[in-house]
């Protein structure tokens, strides 16, 4: 499970009765441990760049919209049913 946007003050709901029987191992990751350390950030950028260049990492695009359909793109985004990125071409 990834919780994105944990900087908000809102409580993050977690369905404990569904999660506990699965006995998950929960590990935290702090983005700032990488982005505020120049050496770690350079290593991360190198890893991602190499993966994209070699084709091992491929961005998943859920759907592409033209700029003229930006309202439809935003509605699609708000549904939160997509997996991957939403691309708007200009």
PDB file of N, CA and C in Angstrom:
ATOM      1  N   UNK A   1       0.847  -1.158   0.000  1.00  0.00           N
ATOM      2  CA  UNK A   1       0.000   0.000   0.000  1.00  0.00           C
ATOM      3  C   UNK A   1       0.892   1.220   0.000  1.00  0.00           C
ATOM      4  N   UNK A   2       0.618   2.148  -0.878  1.00  0.00           N
ATOM      5  CA  UNK A   2       1.315   3.415  -0.909  1.00  0.00           C
ATOM      6  C   UNK A   2       0.345   4.493  -0.478  1.00  0.00           C
ATOM      7  N   UNK A   3       0.743   5.295   0.477  1.00  0.00           N
ATOM      8  CA  UNK A   3      -0.048   6.447   0.891  1.00  0.00           C
ATOM      9  C   UNK A   3       0.667   7.658   0.332  1.00  0.00           C
ATOM     10  N   UNK A   4       0.041   8.287  -0.621  1.00  0.00           N
ATOM     11  CA  UNK A   4       0.636   9.445  -1.275  1.00  0.00           C
ATOM     12  C   UNK A   4      -0.083  10.688  -0.791  1.00  0.00           C
ATOM     13  N   UNK A   5       0.650  11.702  -0.474  1.00  0.00           N
ATOM     14  CA  UNK A   5       0.027  12.930  -0.016  1.00  0.00           C
ATOM     15  C   UNK A   5      -0.111  12.979   1.482  1.00  0.00           C
ATOM     16  N   UNK A   6       0.799  12.347   2.183  1.00  0.00           N
ATOM     17  CA  UNK A   6       0.707  12.275   3.634  1.00  0.00           C
ATOM     18  C   UNK A   6       0.988  13.605   4.313  1.00  0.00           C
ATOM     19  N   UNK A   7       1.256  14.646   3.549  1.00  0.00           N
ATOM     20  CA  UNK A   7       1.481  15.958   4.141  1.00  0.00           C
ATOM     21  C   UNK A   7       0.170  16.634   4.529  1.00  0.00           C
ATOM     22  N   UNK A   8      -0.939  16.100   4.059  1.00  0.00           N
ATOM     23  CA  UNK A   8      -2.244  16.661   4.406  1.00  0.00           C
ATOM     24  C   UNK A   8      -2.551  16.370   5.869  1.00  0.00           C
ATOM     25  N   UNK A   9      -3.384  17.198   6.458  1.00  0.00           N
ATOM     26  CA  UNK A   9      -3.771  17.009   7.854  1.00  0.00           C
ATOM     27  C   UNK A   9      -4.882  15.982   8.019  1.00  0.00           C
ATOM     28  N   UNK A  10      -5.503  15.563   6.910  1.00  0.00           N
ATOM     29  CA  UNK A  10      -6.606  14.613   6.983  1.00  0.00           C
ATOM     30  C   UNK A  10      -6.118  13.248   7.467  1.00  0.00           C
ATOM     31  N   UNK A  11      -6.985  12.542   8.153  1.00  0.00           N
ATOM     32  CA  UNK A  11      -6.673  11.190   8.604  1.00  0.00           C
ATOM     33  C   UNK A  11      -6.691  10.259   7.402  1.00  0.00           C
ATOM     34  N   UNK A  12      -5.689   9.394   7.294  1.00  0.00           N
ATOM     35  CA  UNK A  12      -5.638   8.413   6.212  1.00  0.00           C
ATOM     36  C   UNK A  12      -6.376   7.161   6.669  1.00  0.00           C
ATOM     37  N   UNK A  13      -7.486   6.844   5.998  1.00  0.00           N
ATOM     38  CA  UNK A  13      -8.250   5.665   6.432  1.00  0.00           C
ATOM     39  C   UNK A  13      -7.530   4.372   6.055  1.00  0.00           C
ATOM     40  N   UNK A  14      -7.514   3.450   6.982  1.00  0.00           N
ATOM     41  CA  UNK A  14      -6.919   2.142   6.739  1.00  0.00           C
ATOM     42  C   UNK A  14      -7.896   1.092   7.240  1.00  0.00           C
ATOM     43  N   UNK A  15      -8.405   0.238   6.350  1.00  0.00           N
ATOM     44  CA  UNK A  15      -9.367  -0.788   6.770  1.00  0.00           C
ATOM     45  C   UNK A  15      -8.687  -1.900   7.566  1.00  0.00           C
ATOM     46  N   UNK A  16      -8.499  -1.670   8.838  1.00  0.00           N
ATOM     47  CA  UNK A  16      -7.729  -2.588   9.677  1.00  0.00           C
ATOM     48  C   UNK A  16      -8.247  -4.018   9.670  1.00  0.00           C
ATOM     49  N   UNK A  17      -9.555  -4.205   9.702  1.00  0.00           N
ATOM     50  CA  UNK A  17     -10.095  -5.566   9.752  1.00  0.00           C
ATOM     51  C   UNK A  17      -9.798  -6.350   8.472  1.00  0.00           C
ATOM     52  N   UNK A  18      -9.601  -5.651   7.372  1.00  0.00           N
ATOM     53  CA  UNK A  18      -9.229  -6.314   6.124  1.00  0.00           C
ATOM     54  C   UNK A  18      -7.719  -6.541   6.029  1.00  0.00           C
ATOM     55  N   UNK A  19      -6.955  -5.643   6.625  1.00  0.00           N
ATOM     56  CA  UNK A  19      -5.500  -5.679   6.495  1.00  0.00           C
ATOM     57  C   UNK A  19      -4.839  -6.636   7.488  1.00  0.00           C
ATOM     58  N   UNK A  20      -5.252  -6.609   8.734  1.00  0.00           N
ATOM     59  CA  UNK A  20      -4.584  -7.374   9.791  1.00  0.00           C
ATOM     60  C   UNK A  20      -4.514  -8.872   9.504  1.00  0.00           C
ATOM     61  N   UNK A  21      -5.579  -9.533   9.024  1.00  0.00           N
ATOM     62  CA  UNK A  21      -5.467 -10.979   8.767  1.00  0.00           C
ATOM     63  C   UNK A  21      -4.393 -11.337   7.741  1.00  0.00           C
ATOM     64  N   UNK A  22      -4.020 -10.401   6.913  1.00  0.00           N
ATOM     65  CA  UNK A  22      -2.996 -10.670   5.900  1.00  0.00           C
ATOM     66  C   UNK A  22      -1.580 -10.535   6.452  1.00  0.00           C
ATOM     67  N   UNK A  23      -1.456 -10.076   7.691  1.00  0.00           N
ATOM     68  CA  UNK A  23      -0.176  -9.923   8.369  1.00  0.00           C
ATOM     69  C   UNK A  23       0.854  -9.174   7.514  1.00  0.00           C
ATOM     70  N   UNK A  24       0.544  -7.957   7.134  1.00  0.00           N
ATOM     71  CA  UNK A  24       1.464  -7.219   6.267  1.00  0.00           C
ATOM     72  C   UNK A  24       2.707  -6.748   7.011  1.00  0.00           C
ATOM     73  N   UNK A  25       3.749  -6.526   6.251  1.00  0.00           N
ATOM     74  CA  UNK A  25       4.942  -5.864   6.754  1.00  0.00           C
ATOM     75  C   UNK A  25       4.867  -4.449   6.210  1.00  0.00           C
ATOM     76  N   UNK A  26       4.866  -3.487   7.090  1.00  0.00           N
ATOM     77  CA  UNK A  26       4.718  -2.094   6.671  1.00  0.00           C
ATOM     78  C   UNK A  26       6.056  -1.395   6.831  1.00  0.00           C
ATOM     79  N   UNK A  27       6.518  -0.784   5.753  1.00  0.00           N
ATOM     80  CA  UNK A  27       7.772  -0.043   5.765  1.00  0.00           C
ATOM     81  C   UNK A  27       7.485   1.379   5.321  1.00  0.00           C
ATOM     82  N   UNK A  28       8.088   2.295   5.989  1.00  0.00           N
ATOM     83  CA  UNK A  28       7.920   3.696   5.622  1.00  0.00           C
ATOM     84  C   UNK A  28       9.013   4.145   4.666  1.00  0.00           C
ATOM     85  N   UNK A  29       8.676   5.085   3.850  1.00  0.00           N
ATOM     86  CA  UNK A  29       9.642   5.678   2.926  1.00  0.00           C
ATOM     87  C   UNK A  29       9.427   7.174   2.950  1.00  0.00           C
ATOM     88  N   UNK A  30      10.495   7.894   3.130  1.00  0.00           N
ATOM     89  CA  UNK A  30      10.426   9.340   3.175  1.00  0.00           C
ATOM     90  C   UNK A  30      11.123   9.899   1.946  1.00  0.00           C
ATOM     91  N   UNK A  31      10.369  10.509   1.083  1.00  0.00           N
ATOM     92  CA  UNK A  31      10.888  11.083  -0.153  1.00  0.00           C
ATOM     93  C   UNK A  31      12.022  12.062   0.119  1.00  0.00           C
ATOM     94  N   UNK A  32      11.930  12.792   1.222  1.00  0.00           N
ATOM     95  CA  UNK A  32      12.911  13.830   1.503  1.00  0.00           C
ATOM     96  C   UNK A  32      14.285  13.260   1.856  1.00  0.00           C
ATOM     97  N   UNK A  33      14.349  11.992   2.243  1.00  0.00           N
ATOM     98  CA  UNK A  33      15.646  11.368   2.500  1.00  0.00           C
ATOM     99  C   UNK A  33      16.462  11.278   1.216  1.00  0.00           C
ATOM    100  N   UNK A  34      15.785  11.242   0.081  1.00  0.00           N
ATOM    101  CA  UNK A  34      16.468  11.195  -1.214  1.00  0.00           C
ATOM    102  C   UNK A  34      16.606  12.582  -1.826  1.00  0.00           C
ATOM    103  N   UNK A  35      15.526  13.347  -1.829  1.00  0.00           N
ATOM    104  CA  UNK A  35      15.539  14.630  -2.543  1.00  0.00           C
ATOM    105  C   UNK A  35      16.377  15.700  -1.866  1.00  0.00           C
ATOM    106  N   UNK A  36      16.660  15.564  -0.579  1.00  0.00           N
ATOM    107  CA  UNK A  36      17.475  16.573   0.102  1.00  0.00           C
ATOM    108  C   UNK A  36      18.938  16.166   0.210  1.00  0.00           C
ATOM    109  N   UNK A  37      19.281  14.993  -0.304  1.00  0.00           N
ATOM    110  CA  UNK A  37      20.654  14.506  -0.268  1.00  0.00           C
ATOM    111  C   UNK A  37      21.163  14.458  -1.713  1.00  0.00           C
ATOM    112  N   UNK A  38      22.083  15.359  -2.092  1.00  0.00           N
ATOM    113  CA  UNK A  38      22.535  15.431  -3.495  1.00  0.00           C
ATOM    114  C   UNK A  38      23.071  14.110  -4.052  1.00  0.00           C
ATOM    115  N   UNK A  39      23.787  13.332  -3.243  1.00  0.00           N
ATOM    116  CA  UNK A  39      24.325  12.056  -3.731  1.00  0.00           C
ATOM    117  C   UNK A  39      23.215  11.051  -3.987  1.00  0.00           C
ATOM    118  N   UNK A  40      22.265  10.950  -3.053  1.00  0.00           N
ATOM    119  CA  UNK A  40      21.139  10.025  -3.247  1.00  0.00           C
ATOM    120  C   UNK A  40      20.267  10.465  -4.422  1.00  0.00           C
ATOM    121  N   UNK A  41      20.057  11.761  -4.546  1.00  0.00           N
ATOM    122  CA  UNK A  41      19.234  12.257  -5.639  1.00  0.00           C
ATOM    123  C   UNK A  41      19.892  11.965  -6.982  1.00  0.00           C
ATOM    124  N   UNK A  42      21.193  12.169  -7.080  1.00  0.00           N
ATOM    125  CA  UNK A  42      21.907  11.864  -8.326  1.00  0.00           C
ATOM    126  C   UNK A  42      21.821  10.379  -8.652  1.00  0.00           C
ATOM    127  N   UNK A  43      21.943   9.523  -7.637  1.00  0.00           N
ATOM    128  CA  UNK A  43      21.836   8.079  -7.861  1.00  0.00           C
ATOM    129  C   UNK A  43      20.430   7.712  -8.330  1.00  0.00           C
ATOM    130  N   UNK A  44      19.410   8.327  -7.727  1.00  0.00           N
ATOM    131  CA  UNK A  44      18.032   8.039  -8.117  1.00  0.00           C
ATOM    132  C   UNK A  44      17.761   8.491  -9.544  1.00  0.00           C
ATOM    133  N   UNK A  45      18.217   9.686  -9.892  1.00  0.00           N
ATOM    134  CA  UNK A  45      18.032  10.197 -11.261  1.00  0.00           C
ATOM    135  C   UNK A  45      18.761   9.298 -12.252  1.00  0.00           C
ATOM    136  N   UNK A  46      19.969   8.869 -11.904  1.00  0.00           N
ATOM    137  CA  UNK A  46      20.717   7.961 -12.783  1.00  0.00           C
ATOM    138  C   UNK A  46      20.011   6.635 -12.985  1.00  0.00           C
ATOM    139  N   UNK A  47      19.445   6.076 -11.900  1.00  0.00           N
ATOM    140  CA  UNK A  47      18.729   4.814 -11.967  1.00  0.00           C
ATOM    141  C   UNK A  47      17.495   4.929 -12.878  1.00  0.00           C
ATOM    142  N   UNK A  48      16.711   5.970 -12.673  1.00  0.00           N
ATOM    143  CA  UNK A  48      15.500   6.172 -13.481  1.00  0.00           C
ATOM    144  C   UNK A  48      15.867   6.440 -14.937  1.00  0.00           C
ATOM    145  N   UNK A  49      16.840   7.304 -15.166  1.00  0.00           N
ATOM    146  CA  UNK A  49      17.250   7.612 -16.541  1.00  0.00           C
ATOM    147  C   UNK A  49      17.742   6.377 -17.270  1.00  0.00           C
ATOM    148  N   UNK A  50      18.562   5.575 -16.603  1.00  0.00           N
ATOM    149  CA  UNK A  50      19.077   4.348 -17.231  1.00  0.00           C
ATOM    150  C   UNK A  50      17.938   3.379 -17.521  1.00  0.00           C
ATOM    151  N   UNK A  51      16.993   3.256 -16.596  1.00  0.00           N
ATOM    152  CA  UNK A  51      15.858   2.358 -16.806  1.00  0.00           C
ATOM    153  C   UNK A  51      14.977   2.790 -17.959  1.00  0.00           C
ATOM    154  N   UNK A  52      14.753   4.088 -18.087  1.00  0.00           N
ATOM    155  CA  UNK A  52      13.944   4.592 -19.204  1.00  0.00           C
ATOM    156  C   UNK A  52      14.678   4.413 -20.527  1.00  0.00           C
ATOM    157  N   UNK A  53      15.979   4.699 -20.520  1.00  0.00           N
ATOM    158  CA  UNK A  53      16.774   4.572 -21.744  1.00  0.00           C
ATOM    159  C   UNK A  53      16.843   3.125 -22.220  1.00  0.00           C
ATOM    160  N   UNK A  54      17.014   2.201 -21.288  1.00  0.00           N
ATOM    161  CA  UNK A  54      17.140   0.789 -21.661  1.00  0.00           C
ATOM    162  C   UNK A  54      15.793   0.135 -21.969  1.00  0.00           C
ATOM    163  N   UNK A  55      14.715   0.776 -21.538  1.00  0.00           N
ATOM    164  CA  UNK A  55      13.397   0.190 -21.754  1.00  0.00           C
ATOM    165  C   UNK A  55      12.935  -0.695 -20.605  1.00  0.00           C
ATOM    166  N   UNK A  56      13.760  -0.845 -19.559  1.00  0.00           N
ATOM    167  CA  UNK A  56      13.345  -1.654 -18.411  1.00  0.00           C
ATOM    168  C   UNK A  56      12.240  -0.977 -17.618  1.00  0.00           C
ATOM    169  N   UNK A  57      12.253   0.341 -17.606  1.00  0.00           N
ATOM    170  CA  UNK A  57      11.180   1.108 -16.963  1.00  0.00           C
ATOM    171  C   UNK A  57      10.353   1.768 -18.057  1.00  0.00           C
ATOM    172  N   UNK A  58       9.083   1.479 -18.052  1.00  0.00           N
ATOM    173  CA  UNK A  58       8.194   2.057 -19.057  1.00  0.00           C
ATOM    174  C   UNK A  58       7.040   2.746 -18.343  1.00  0.00           C
ATOM    175  N   UNK A  59       6.863   4.029 -18.595  1.00  0.00           N
ATOM    176  CA  UNK A  59       5.734   4.706 -17.957  1.00  0.00           C
ATOM    177  C   UNK A  59       4.423   4.116 -18.460  1.00  0.00           C
ATOM    178  N   UNK A  60       3.497   3.905 -17.556  1.00  0.00           N
ATOM    179  CA  UNK A  60       2.192   3.375 -17.932  1.00  0.00           C
ATOM    180  C   UNK A  60       1.259   4.560 -18.168  1.00  0.00           C
ATOM    181  N   UNK A  61       0.723   4.629 -19.360  1.00  0.00           N
ATOM    182  CA  UNK A  61      -0.195   5.716 -19.711  1.00  0.00           C
ATOM    183  C   UNK A  61      -1.606   5.149 -19.720  1.00  0.00           C
ATOM    184  N   UNK A  62      -2.445   5.702 -18.865  1.00  0.00           N
ATOM    185  CA  UNK A  62      -3.829   5.244 -18.771  1.00  0.00           C
ATOM    186  C   UNK A  62      -4.639   5.749 -19.954  1.00  0.00           C
ATOM    187  N   UNK A  63      -4.455   7.032 -20.259  1.00  0.00           N
ATOM    188  CA  UNK A  63      -5.234   7.622 -21.348  1.00  0.00           C
ATOM    189  C   UNK A  63      -4.599   8.936 -21.764  1.00  0.00           C
ATOM    190  N   UNK A  64      -4.752   9.272 -23.038  1.00  0.00           N
ATOM    191  CA  UNK A  64      -4.216  10.520 -23.579  1.00  0.00           C
ATOM    192  C   UNK A  64      -5.366  11.391 -24.057  1.00  0.00           C
ATOM    193  N   UNK A  65      -5.292  12.678 -23.738  1.00  0.00           N
ATOM    194  CA  UNK A  65      -6.304  13.653 -24.146  1.00  0.00           C
ATOM    195  C   UNK A  65      -5.619  14.786 -24.891  1.00  0.00           C
ATOM    196  N   UNK A  66      -6.350  15.433 -25.783  1.00  0.00           N
ATOM    197  CA  UNK A  66      -5.843  16.660 -26.392  1.00  0.00           C
ATOM    198  C   UNK A  66      -6.152  17.810 -25.447  1.00  0.00           C
ATOM    199  N   UNK A  67      -5.445  18.914 -25.616  1.00  0.00           N
ATOM    200  CA  UNK A  67      -5.657  20.067 -24.745  1.00  0.00           C
ATOM    201  C   UNK A  67      -7.088  20.582 -24.857  1.00  0.00           C
ATOM    202  N   UNK A  68      -7.688  20.423 -26.021  1.00  0.00           N
ATOM    203  CA  UNK A  68      -9.083  20.852 -26.200  1.00  0.00           C
ATOM    204  C   UNK A  68     -10.042  20.060 -25.318  1.00  0.00           C
ATOM    205  N   UNK A  69      -9.641  18.878 -24.890  1.00  0.00           N
ATOM    206  CA  UNK A  69     -10.473  18.032 -24.031  1.00  0.00           C
ATOM    207  C   UNK A  69      -9.988  18.032 -22.580  1.00  0.00           C
ATOM    208  N   UNK A  70      -9.415  19.151 -22.131  1.00  0.00           N
ATOM    209  CA  UNK A  70      -8.852  19.216 -20.787  1.00  0.00           C
ATOM    210  C   UNK A  70      -9.917  19.008 -19.713  1.00  0.00           C
ATOM    211  N   UNK A  71     -11.129  19.450 -19.961  1.00  0.00           N
ATOM    212  CA  UNK A  71     -12.206  19.268 -18.977  1.00  0.00           C
ATOM    213  C   UNK A  71     -12.514  17.781 -18.828  1.00  0.00           C
ATOM    214  N   UNK A  72     -12.596  17.073 -19.937  1.00  0.00           N
ATOM    215  CA  UNK A  72     -12.837  15.630 -19.897  1.00  0.00           C
ATOM    216  C   UNK A  72     -11.675  14.912 -19.194  1.00  0.00           C
ATOM    217  N   UNK A  73     -10.448  15.367 -19.446  1.00  0.00           N
ATOM    218  CA  UNK A  73      -9.277  14.771 -18.797  1.00  0.00           C
ATOM    219  C   UNK A  73      -9.357  14.960 -17.283  1.00  0.00           C
ATOM    220  N   UNK A  74      -9.769  16.137 -16.852  1.00  0.00           N
ATOM    221  CA  UNK A  74      -9.862  16.404 -15.417  1.00  0.00           C
ATOM    222  C   UNK A  74     -10.966  15.562 -14.788  1.00  0.00           C
ATOM    223  N   UNK A  75     -12.069  15.401 -15.471  1.00  0.00           N
ATOM    224  CA  UNK A  75     -13.152  14.553 -14.952  1.00  0.00           C
ATOM    225  C   UNK A  75     -12.684  13.102 -14.830  1.00  0.00           C
ATOM    226  N   UNK A  76     -11.940  12.649 -15.821  1.00  0.00           N
ATOM    227  CA  UNK A  76     -11.395  11.295 -15.790  1.00  0.00           C
ATOM    228  C   UNK A  76     -10.451  11.131 -14.598  1.00  0.00           C
ATOM    229  N   UNK A  77      -9.620  12.129 -14.368  1.00  0.00           N
ATOM    230  CA  UNK A  77      -8.701  12.110 -13.240  1.00  0.00           C
ATOM    231  C   UNK A  77      -9.454  12.071 -11.917  1.00  0.00           C
ATOM    232  N   UNK A  78     -10.510  12.843 -11.798  1.00  0.00           N
ATOM    233  CA  UNK A  78     -11.274  12.916 -10.554  1.00  0.00           C
ATOM    234  C   UNK A  78     -11.961  11.598 -10.196  1.00  0.00           C
ATOM    235  N   UNK A  79     -12.269  10.784 -11.198  1.00  0.00           N
ATOM    236  CA  UNK A  79     -12.896   9.486 -10.927  1.00  0.00           C
ATOM    237  C   UNK A  79     -11.959   8.555 -10.168  1.00  0.00           C
ATOM    238  N   UNK A  80     -10.659   8.774 -10.326  1.00  0.00           N
ATOM    239  CA  UNK A  80      -9.638   7.993  -9.622  1.00  0.00           C
ATOM    240  C   UNK A  80      -9.783   6.493  -9.882  1.00  0.00           C
ATOM    241  N   UNK A  81     -10.134   6.141 -11.096  1.00  0.00           N
ATOM    242  CA  UNK A  81     -10.282   4.736 -11.474  1.00  0.00           C
ATOM    243  C   UNK A  81      -9.167   4.265 -12.403  1.00  0.00           C
ATOM    244  N   UNK A  82      -8.269   5.161 -12.754  1.00  0.00           N
ATOM    245  CA  UNK A  82      -7.231   4.834 -13.726  1.00  0.00           C
ATOM    246  C   UNK A  82      -6.000   4.237 -13.050  1.00  0.00           C
ATOM    247  N   UNK A  83      -5.237   3.505 -13.844  1.00  0.00           N
ATOM    248  CA  UNK A  83      -3.925   3.021 -13.418  1.00  0.00           C
ATOM    249  C   UNK A  83      -2.940   3.558 -14.456  1.00  0.00           C
ATOM    250  N   UNK A  84      -2.028   4.362 -14.016  1.00  0.00           N
ATOM    251  CA  UNK A  84      -1.064   4.987 -14.930  1.00  0.00           C
ATOM    252  C   UNK A  84      -1.301   6.481 -15.017  1.00  0.00           C
ATOM    253  N   UNK A  85      -0.545   7.085 -15.874  1.00  0.00           N
ATOM    254  CA  UNK A  85      -0.564   8.534 -16.044  1.00  0.00           C
ATOM    255  C   UNK A  85      -1.636   8.964 -17.040  1.00  0.00           C
ATOM    256  N   UNK A  86      -2.114  10.146 -16.822  1.00  0.00           N
ATOM    257  CA  UNK A  86      -3.027  10.781 -17.765  1.00  0.00           C
ATOM    258  C   UNK A  86      -2.210  11.847 -18.496  1.00  0.00           C
ATOM    259  N   UNK A  87      -2.179  11.748 -19.807  1.00  0.00           N
ATOM    260  CA  UNK A  87      -1.353  12.641 -20.626  1.00  0.00           C
ATOM    261  C   UNK A  87      -2.268  13.599 -21.371  1.00  0.00           C
ATOM    262  N   UNK A  88      -1.894  14.882 -21.328  1.00  0.00           N
ATOM    263  CA  UNK A  88      -2.600  15.901 -22.110  1.00  0.00           C
ATOM    264  C   UNK A  88      -1.615  16.463 -23.105  1.00  0.00           C
ATOM    265  N   UNK A  89      -1.923  16.327 -24.381  1.00  0.00           N
ATOM    266  CA  UNK A  89      -1.024  16.825 -25.425  1.00  0.00           C
ATOM    267  C   UNK A  89      -1.440  18.239 -25.817  1.00  0.00           C
ATOM    268  N   UNK A  90      -0.456  19.070 -26.025  1.00  0.00           N
ATOM    269  CA  UNK A  90      -0.697  20.468 -26.401  1.00  0.00           C
ATOM    270  C   UNK A  90      -0.477  20.626 -27.880  1.00  0.00           C
TER     271      UNK A  90
END
